[in-house]
Amino acid sequence: MTAGWAALAAVLLLAASGAATLNEHPVRSAMAGALCGLGALGAVNLLAGWTGVSLPMNCAAAYVSVVLGAPGVALMLALRMVLGA
């Protein structure tokens, strides 16, 4: 099962890097997306006391927030609501 998760992570990384290369400044846009994703993950956990919603701080959550950015954090929040975890 670990090989399947590694393959999915590699596909996500290739898709994100391919989308970043379409921009005029690919490194800057990739770094901005990664920082925005980490900021969104931090904001969700910082506001957990008021909202009652938090995301686990682990390698998978960090990977999704860095590679997919803020939409990845929103996806994790939506999956948390749908799956009820």
PDB file of N, CA and C in Angstrom:
ATOM      1  N   MET A   1       0.819  -1.192   0.000  1.00  0.00           N
ATOM      2  CA  MET A   1       0.000   0.000   0.000  1.00  0.00           C
ATOM      3  C   MET A   1       0.862   1.254   0.000  1.00  0.00           C
ATOM      4  N   THR A   2       2.056   1.178   0.570  1.00  0.00           N
ATOM      5  CA  THR A   2       2.943   2.332   0.610  1.00  0.00           C
ATOM      6  C   THR A   2       3.384   2.739  -0.788  1.00  0.00           C
ATOM      7  N   ALA A   3       3.588   1.785  -1.661  1.00  0.00           N
ATOM      8  CA  ALA A   3       3.990   2.104  -3.031  1.00  0.00           C
ATOM      9  C   ALA A   3       2.886   2.855  -3.762  1.00  0.00           C
ATOM     10  N   GLY A   4       1.649   2.531  -3.474  1.00  0.00           N
ATOM     11  CA  GLY A   4       0.536   3.237  -4.090  1.00  0.00           C
ATOM     12  C   GLY A   4       0.478   4.697  -3.652  1.00  0.00           C
ATOM     13  N   TRP A   5       0.706   4.951  -2.353  1.00  0.00           N
ATOM     14  CA  TRP A   5       0.715   6.326  -1.861  1.00  0.00           C
ATOM     15  C   TRP A   5       1.896   7.094  -2.432  1.00  0.00           C
ATOM     16  N   ALA A   6       3.038   6.438  -2.572  1.00  0.00           N
ATOM     17  CA  ALA A   6       4.211   7.092  -3.153  1.00  0.00           C
ATOM     18  C   ALA A   6       3.963   7.439  -4.616  1.00  0.00           C
ATOM     19  N   ALA A   7       3.293   6.551  -5.339  1.00  0.00           N
ATOM     20  CA  ALA A   7       2.977   6.830  -6.740  1.00  0.00           C
ATOM     21  C   ALA A   7       1.999   7.996  -6.856  1.00  0.00           C
ATOM     22  N   LEU A   8       1.001   8.044  -5.981  1.00  0.00           N
ATOM     23  CA  LEU A   8       0.056   9.159  -5.983  1.00  0.00           C
ATOM     24  C   LEU A   8       0.760  10.470  -5.656  1.00  0.00           C
ATOM     25  N   ALA A   9       1.674  10.444  -4.695  1.00  0.00           N
ATOM     26  CA  ALA A   9       2.436  11.646  -4.343  1.00  0.00           C
ATOM     27  C   ALA A   9       3.293  12.111  -5.512  1.00  0.00           C
ATOM     28  N   ALA A  10       3.899  11.181  -6.233  1.00  0.00           N
ATOM     29  CA  ALA A  10       4.718  11.542  -7.381  1.00  0.00           C
ATOM     30  C   ALA A  10       3.871  12.148  -8.496  1.00  0.00           C
ATOM     31  N   VAL A  11       2.700  11.598  -8.735  1.00  0.00           N
ATOM     32  CA  VAL A  11       1.811  12.141  -9.766  1.00  0.00           C
ATOM     33  C   VAL A  11       1.364  13.549  -9.397  1.00  0.00           C
ATOM     34  N   LEU A  12       1.005  13.775  -8.133  1.00  0.00           N
ATOM     35  CA  LEU A  12       0.612  15.108  -7.683  1.00  0.00           C
ATOM     36  C   LEU A  12       1.755  16.104  -7.826  1.00  0.00           C
ATOM     37  N   LEU A  13       2.955  15.682  -7.487  1.00  0.00           N
ATOM     38  CA  LEU A  13       4.113  16.555  -7.601  1.00  0.00           C
ATOM     39  C   LEU A  13       4.397  16.903  -9.059  1.00  0.00           C
ATOM     40  N   LEU A  14       4.297  15.932  -9.952  1.00  0.00           N
ATOM     41  CA  LEU A  14       4.505  16.203 -11.373  1.00  0.00           C
ATOM     42  C   LEU A  14       3.431  17.111 -11.944  1.00  0.00           C
ATOM     43  N   ALA A  15       2.183  16.918 -11.534  1.00  0.00           N
ATOM     44  CA  ALA A  15       1.097  17.772 -12.015  1.00  0.00           C
ATOM     45  C   ALA A  15       1.272  19.202 -11.532  1.00  0.00           C
ATOM     46  N   ALA A  16       1.641  19.381 -10.284  1.00  0.00           N
ATOM     47  CA  ALA A  16       1.838  20.724  -9.751  1.00  0.00           C
ATOM     48  C   ALA A  16       3.034  21.409 -10.398  1.00  0.00           C
ATOM     49  N   SER A  17       4.115  20.681 -10.609  1.00  0.00           N
ATOM     50  CA  SER A  17       5.281  21.292 -11.249  1.00  0.00           C
ATOM     51  C   SER A  17       5.009  21.579 -12.719  1.00  0.00           C
ATOM     52  N   GLY A  18       4.223  20.742 -13.368  1.00  0.00           N
ATOM     53  CA  GLY A  18       3.845  21.023 -14.751  1.00  0.00           C
ATOM     54  C   GLY A  18       2.979  22.259 -14.864  1.00  0.00           C
ATOM     55  N   ALA A  19       2.073  22.451 -13.925  1.00  0.00           N
ATOM     56  CA  ALA A  19       1.236  23.653 -13.932  1.00  0.00           C
ATOM     57  C   ALA A  19       2.071  24.884 -13.617  1.00  0.00           C
ATOM     58  N   ALA A  20       3.062  24.752 -12.766  1.00  0.00           N
ATOM     59  CA  ALA A  20       3.901  25.897 -12.416  1.00  0.00           C
ATOM     60  C   ALA A  20       4.776  26.335 -13.587  1.00  0.00           C
ATOM     61  N   THR A  21       5.169  25.414 -14.448  1.00  0.00           N
ATOM     62  CA  THR A  21       6.040  25.781 -15.567  1.00  0.00           C
ATOM     63  C   THR A  21       5.293  26.564 -16.644  1.00  0.00           C
ATOM     64  N   LEU A  22       3.977  26.574 -16.618  1.00  0.00           N
ATOM     65  CA  LEU A  22       3.214  27.344 -17.589  1.00  0.00           C
ATOM     66  C   LEU A  22       3.279  28.836 -17.298  1.00  0.00           C
ATOM     67  N   ASN A  23       3.710  29.202 -16.116  1.00  0.00           N
ATOM     68  CA  ASN A  23       3.812  30.594 -15.714  1.00  0.00           C
ATOM     69  C   ASN A  23       5.131  31.177 -16.202  1.00  0.00           C
ATOM     70  N   GLU A  24       5.204  32.496 -16.256  1.00  0.00           N
ATOM     71  CA  GLU A  24       6.439  33.163 -16.684  1.00  0.00           C
ATOM     72  C   GLU A  24       7.564  32.981 -15.665  1.00  0.00           C
ATOM     73  N   HIS A  25       7.207  32.942 -14.384  1.00  0.00           N
ATOM     74  CA  HIS A  25       8.175  32.750 -13.302  1.00  0.00           C
ATOM     75  C   HIS A  25       7.785  31.501 -12.524  1.00  0.00           C
ATOM     76  N   PRO A  26       8.168  30.313 -12.990  1.00  0.00           N
ATOM     77  CA  PRO A  26       7.681  29.077 -12.368  1.00  0.00           C
ATOM     78  C   PRO A  26       8.152  28.869 -10.934  1.00  0.00           C
ATOM     79  N   VAL A  27       9.380  29.225 -10.617  1.00  0.00           N
ATOM     80  CA  VAL A  27       9.888  29.001  -9.262  1.00  0.00           C
ATOM     81  C   VAL A  27       9.167  29.921  -8.276  1.00  0.00           C
ATOM     82  N   ARG A  28       8.984  31.177  -8.687  1.00  0.00           N
ATOM     83  CA  ARG A  28       8.301  32.120  -7.806  1.00  0.00           C
ATOM     84  C   ARG A  28       6.863  31.700  -7.557  1.00  0.00           C
ATOM     85  N   SER A  29       6.169  31.236  -8.600  1.00  0.00           N
ATOM     86  CA  SER A  29       4.772  30.834  -8.405  1.00  0.00           C
ATOM     87  C   SER A  29       4.676  29.557  -7.569  1.00  0.00           C
ATOM     88  N   ALA A  30       5.613  28.632  -7.737  1.00  0.00           N
ATOM     89  CA  ALA A  30       5.602  27.410  -6.935  1.00  0.00           C
ATOM     90  C   ALA A  30       5.884  27.730  -5.467  1.00  0.00           C
ATOM     91  N   MET A  31       6.832  28.611  -5.214  1.00  0.00           N
ATOM     92  CA  MET A  31       7.140  28.984  -3.830  1.00  0.00           C
ATOM     93  C   MET A  31       5.986  29.758  -3.195  1.00  0.00           C
ATOM     94  N   ALA A  32       5.338  30.624  -3.966  1.00  0.00           N
ATOM     95  CA  ALA A  32       4.207  31.378  -3.433  1.00  0.00           C
ATOM     96  C   ALA A  32       3.052  30.442  -3.093  1.00  0.00           C
ATOM     97  N   GLY A  33       2.800  29.456  -3.935  1.00  0.00           N
ATOM     98  CA  GLY A  33       1.747  28.487  -3.653  1.00  0.00           C
ATOM     99  C   GLY A  33       2.056  27.642  -2.435  1.00  0.00           C
ATOM    100  N   ALA A  34       3.310  27.242  -2.297  1.00  0.00           N
ATOM    101  CA  ALA A  34       3.716  26.440  -1.137  1.00  0.00           C
ATOM    102  C   ALA A  34       3.588  27.242   0.152  1.00  0.00           C
ATOM    103  N   LEU A  35       4.041  28.486   0.136  1.00  0.00           N
ATOM    104  CA  LEU A  35       3.932  29.321   1.333  1.00  0.00           C
ATOM    105  C   LEU A  35       2.480  29.625   1.670  1.00  0.00           C
ATOM    106  N   CYS A  36       1.669  29.826   0.652  1.00  0.00           N
ATOM    107  CA  CYS A  36       0.244  30.080   0.884  1.00  0.00           C
ATOM    108  C   CYS A  36      -0.422  28.840   1.488  1.00  0.00           C
ATOM    109  N   GLY A  37      -0.068  27.668   1.015  1.00  0.00           N
ATOM    110  CA  GLY A  37      -0.619  26.435   1.567  1.00  0.00           C
ATOM    111  C   GLY A  37      -0.205  26.210   3.008  1.00  0.00           C
ATOM    112  N   LEU A  38       1.063  26.454   3.307  1.00  0.00           N
ATOM    113  CA  LEU A  38       1.519  26.308   4.694  1.00  0.00           C
ATOM    114  C   LEU A  38       0.862  27.346   5.594  1.00  0.00           C
ATOM    115  N   GLY A  39       0.678  28.549   5.068  1.00  0.00           N
ATOM    116  CA  GLY A  39      -0.011  29.578   5.843  1.00  0.00           C
ATOM    117  C   GLY A  39      -1.455  29.210   6.117  1.00  0.00           C
ATOM    118  N   ALA A  40      -2.122  28.633   5.113  1.00  0.00           N
ATOM    119  CA  ALA A  40      -3.517  28.214   5.302  1.00  0.00           C
ATOM    120  C   ALA A  40      -3.613  27.084   6.317  1.00  0.00           C
ATOM    121  N   LEU A  41      -2.691  26.138   6.261  1.00  0.00           N
ATOM    122  CA  LEU A  41      -2.687  25.047   7.232  1.00  0.00           C
ATOM    123  C   LEU A  41      -2.437  25.580   8.642  1.00  0.00           C
ATOM    124  N   GLY A  42      -1.503  26.515   8.761  1.00  0.00           N
ATOM    125  CA  GLY A  42      -1.240  27.117  10.058  1.00  0.00           C
ATOM    126  C   GLY A  42      -2.431  27.916  10.567  1.00  0.00           C
ATOM    127  N   ALA A  43      -3.108  28.634   9.664  1.00  0.00           N
ATOM    128  CA  ALA A  43      -4.269  29.430  10.067  1.00  0.00           C
ATOM    129  C   ALA A  43      -5.413  28.542  10.543  1.00  0.00           C
ATOM    130  N   VAL A  44      -5.618  27.421   9.864  1.00  0.00           N
ATOM    131  CA  VAL A  44      -6.681  26.497  10.281  1.00  0.00           C
ATOM    132  C   VAL A  44      -6.400  25.979  11.680  1.00  0.00           C
ATOM    133  N   ASN A  45      -5.162  25.613  11.944  1.00  0.00           N
ATOM    134  CA  ASN A  45      -4.827  25.074  13.268  1.00  0.00           C
ATOM    135  C   ASN A  45      -4.752  26.167  14.324  1.00  0.00           C
ATOM    136  N   LEU A  46      -4.399  27.390  13.928  1.00  0.00           N
ATOM    137  CA  LEU A  46      -4.356  28.492  14.877  1.00  0.00           C
ATOM    138  C   LEU A  46      -5.762  28.879  15.330  1.00  0.00           C
ATOM    139  N   LEU A  47      -6.720  28.822  14.418  1.00  0.00           N
ATOM    140  CA  LEU A  47      -8.097  29.190  14.723  1.00  0.00           C
ATOM    141  C   LEU A  47      -8.941  28.015  15.198  1.00  0.00           C
ATOM    142  N   ALA A  48      -8.323  26.884  15.472  1.00  0.00           N
ATOM    143  CA  ALA A  48      -9.064  25.683  15.884  1.00  0.00           C
ATOM    144  C   ALA A  48      -9.806  25.883  17.191  1.00  0.00           C
ATOM    145  N   GLY A  49      -9.313  26.736  18.055  1.00  0.00           N
ATOM    146  CA  GLY A  49      -9.988  26.987  19.323  1.00  0.00           C
ATOM    147  C   GLY A  49     -11.330  27.687  19.135  1.00  0.00           C
ATOM    148  N   TRP A  50     -11.420  28.537  18.136  1.00  0.00           N
ATOM    149  CA  TRP A  50     -12.666  29.256  17.883  1.00  0.00           C
ATOM    150  C   TRP A  50     -13.609  28.489  16.967  1.00  0.00           C
ATOM    151  N   THR A  51     -13.040  27.800  15.986  1.00  0.00           N
ATOM    152  CA  THR A  51     -13.895  27.117  15.009  1.00  0.00           C
ATOM    153  C   THR A  51     -14.200  25.682  15.383  1.00  0.00           C
ATOM    154  N   GLY A  52     -13.347  25.055  16.155  1.00  0.00           N
ATOM    155  CA  GLY A  52     -13.534  23.650  16.505  1.00  0.00           C
ATOM    156  C   GLY A  52     -13.076  22.704  15.417  1.00  0.00           C
ATOM    157  N   VAL A  53     -12.429  23.227  14.381  1.00  0.00           N
ATOM    158  CA  VAL A  53     -11.949  22.412  13.263  1.00  0.00           C
ATOM    159  C   VAL A  53     -10.432  22.505  13.230  1.00  0.00           C
ATOM    160  N   SER A  54      -9.784  21.367  13.175  1.00  0.00           N
ATOM    161  CA  SER A  54      -8.328  21.358  13.059  1.00  0.00           C
ATOM    162  C   SER A  54      -7.915  20.232  12.116  1.00  0.00           C
ATOM    163  N   LEU A  55      -6.729  20.366  11.595  1.00  0.00           N
ATOM    164  CA  LEU A  55      -6.145  19.334  10.738  1.00  0.00           C
ATOM    165  C   LEU A  55      -4.900  18.800  11.428  1.00  0.00           C
ATOM    166  N   PRO A  56      -4.621  17.524  11.263  1.00  0.00           N
ATOM    167  CA  PRO A  56      -3.434  16.968  11.920  1.00  0.00           C
ATOM    168  C   PRO A  56      -2.162  17.530  11.290  1.00  0.00           C
ATOM    169  N   MET A  57      -1.174  17.760  12.126  1.00  0.00           N
ATOM    170  CA  MET A  57       0.125  18.221  11.633  1.00  0.00           C
ATOM    171  C   MET A  57       1.008  16.990  11.459  1.00  0.00           C
ATOM    172  N   ASN A  58       0.977  16.417  10.262  1.00  0.00           N
ATOM    173  CA  ASN A  58       1.809  15.259   9.965  1.00  0.00           C
ATOM    174  C   ASN A  58       2.403  15.432   8.570  1.00  0.00           C
ATOM    175  N   CYS A  59       3.166  14.457   8.124  1.00  0.00           N
ATOM    176  CA  CYS A  59       3.852  14.570   6.836  1.00  0.00           C
ATOM    177  C   CYS A  59       2.872  14.638   5.673  1.00  0.00           C
ATOM    178  N   ALA A  60       1.785  13.905   5.737  1.00  0.00           N
ATOM    179  CA  ALA A  60       0.819  13.898   4.642  1.00  0.00           C
ATOM    180  C   ALA A  60       0.132  15.255   4.521  1.00  0.00           C
ATOM    181  N   ALA A  61      -0.269  15.847   5.625  1.00  0.00           N
ATOM    182  CA  ALA A  61      -0.917  17.156   5.585  1.00  0.00           C
ATOM    183  C   ALA A  61       0.054  18.231   5.106  1.00  0.00           C
ATOM    184  N   ALA A  62       1.293  18.156   5.542  1.00  0.00           N
ATOM    185  CA  ALA A  62       2.304  19.113   5.094  1.00  0.00           C
ATOM    186  C   ALA A  62       2.564  18.966   3.599  1.00  0.00           C
ATOM    187  N   TYR A  63       2.639  17.733   3.117  1.00  0.00           N
ATOM    188  CA  TYR A  63       2.872  17.490   1.691  1.00  0.00           C
ATOM    189  C   TYR A  63       1.733  18.056   0.849  1.00  0.00           C
ATOM    190  N   VAL A  64       0.497  17.774   1.253  1.00  0.00           N
ATOM    191  CA  VAL A  64      -0.652  18.258   0.494  1.00  0.00           C
ATOM    192  C   VAL A  64      -0.697  19.777   0.509  1.00  0.00           C
ATOM    193  N   SER A  65      -0.421  20.389   1.648  1.00  0.00           N
ATOM    194  CA  SER A  65      -0.491  21.845   1.711  1.00  0.00           C
ATOM    195  C   SER A  65       0.631  22.506   0.921  1.00  0.00           C
ATOM    196  N   VAL A  66       1.809  21.892   0.851  1.00  0.00           N
ATOM    197  CA  VAL A  66       2.908  22.468   0.076  1.00  0.00           C
ATOM    198  C   VAL A  66       2.702  22.254  -1.415  1.00  0.00           C
ATOM    199  N   VAL A  67       2.314  21.057  -1.813  1.00  0.00           N
ATOM    200  CA  VAL A  67       2.192  20.766  -3.243  1.00  0.00           C
ATOM    201  C   VAL A  67       0.936  21.391  -3.847  1.00  0.00           C
ATOM    202  N   LEU A  68      -0.190  21.282  -3.161  1.00  0.00           N
ATOM    203  CA  LEU A  68      -1.445  21.783  -3.721  1.00  0.00           C
ATOM    204  C   LEU A  68      -1.798  23.189  -3.248  1.00  0.00           C
ATOM    205  N   GLY A  69      -1.154  23.681  -2.219  1.00  0.00           N
ATOM    206  CA  GLY A  69      -1.400  25.032  -1.746  1.00  0.00           C
ATOM    207  C   GLY A  69      -2.688  25.135  -0.943  1.00  0.00           C
ATOM    208  N   ALA A  70      -3.265  26.340  -0.963  1.00  0.00           N
ATOM    209  CA  ALA A  70      -4.497  26.588  -0.204  1.00  0.00           C
ATOM    210  C   ALA A  70      -5.658  25.713  -0.684  1.00  0.00           C
ATOM    211  N   PRO A  71      -5.800  25.438  -1.995  1.00  0.00           N
ATOM    212  CA  PRO A  71      -6.864  24.507  -2.388  1.00  0.00           C
ATOM    213  C   PRO A  71      -6.690  23.111  -1.793  1.00  0.00           C
ATOM    214  N   GLY A  72      -5.460  22.684  -1.561  1.00  0.00           N
ATOM    215  CA  GLY A  72      -5.222  21.403  -0.920  1.00  0.00           C
ATOM    216  C   GLY A  72      -5.691  21.395   0.522  1.00  0.00           C
ATOM    217  N   VAL A  73      -5.505  22.515   1.222  1.00  0.00           N
ATOM    218  CA  VAL A  73      -5.981  22.620   2.596  1.00  0.00           C
ATOM    219  C   VAL A  73      -7.507  22.612   2.609  1.00  0.00           C
ATOM    220  N   ALA A  74      -8.119  23.330   1.659  1.00  0.00           N
ATOM    221  CA  ALA A  74      -9.580  23.320   1.562  1.00  0.00           C
ATOM    222  C   ALA A  74     -10.089  21.913   1.243  1.00  0.00           C
ATOM    223  N   LEU A  75      -9.364  21.180   0.406  1.00  0.00           N
ATOM    224  CA  LEU A  75      -9.734  19.802   0.095  1.00  0.00           C
ATOM    225  C   LEU A  75      -9.658  18.921   1.336  1.00  0.00           C
ATOM    226  N   MET A  76      -8.616  19.090   2.130  1.00  0.00           N
ATOM    227  CA  MET A  76      -8.513  18.293   3.358  1.00  0.00           C
ATOM    228  C   MET A  76      -9.638  18.625   4.332  1.00  0.00           C
ATOM    229  N   LEU A  77     -10.025  19.902   4.405  1.00  0.00           N
ATOM    230  CA  LEU A  77     -11.143  20.278   5.269  1.00  0.00           C
ATOM    231  C   LEU A  77     -12.452  19.687   4.763  1.00  0.00           C
ATOM    232  N   ALA A  78     -12.646  19.717   3.446  1.00  0.00           N
ATOM    233  CA  ALA A  78     -13.869  19.139   2.875  1.00  0.00           C
ATOM    234  C   ALA A  78     -13.919  17.629   3.097  1.00  0.00           C
ATOM    235  N   LEU A  79     -12.789  16.951   2.921  1.00  0.00           N
ATOM    236  CA  LEU A  79     -12.755  15.511   3.159  1.00  0.00           C
ATOM    237  C   LEU A  79     -12.999  15.192   4.623  1.00  0.00           C
ATOM    238  N   ARG A  80     -12.525  16.043   5.507  1.00  0.00           N
ATOM    239  CA  ARG A  80     -12.762  15.830   6.931  1.00  0.00           C
ATOM    240  C   ARG A  80     -14.254  15.937   7.243  1.00  0.00           C
ATOM    241  N   MET A  81     -14.951  16.883   6.584  1.00  0.00           N
ATOM    242  CA  MET A  81     -16.394  17.034   6.798  1.00  0.00           C
ATOM    243  C   MET A  81     -17.159  15.865   6.201  1.00  0.00           C
ATOM    244  N   VAL A  82     -16.777  15.446   4.996  1.00  0.00           N
ATOM    245  CA  VAL A  82     -17.503  14.371   4.317  1.00  0.00           C
ATOM    246  C   VAL A  82     -17.301  13.032   5.027  1.00  0.00           C
ATOM    247  N   LEU A  83     -16.066  12.742   5.381  1.00  0.00           N
ATOM    248  CA  LEU A  83     -15.767  11.457   6.001  1.00  0.00           C
ATOM    249  C   LEU A  83     -16.057  11.452   7.490  1.00  0.00           C
ATOM    250  N   GLY A  84     -16.217  12.609   8.073  1.00  0.00           N
ATOM    251  CA  GLY A  84     -16.543  12.681   9.497  1.00  0.00           C
ATOM    252  C   GLY A  84     -15.415  12.246  10.405  1.00  0.00           C
ATOM    253  N   ALA A  85     -14.194  12.371   9.947  1.00  0.00           N
ATOM    254  CA  ALA A  85     -13.052  11.930  10.750  1.00  0.00           C
ATOM    255  C   ALA A  85     -12.621  12.991  11.721  1.00  0.00           C
TER     256      ALA A  85
END
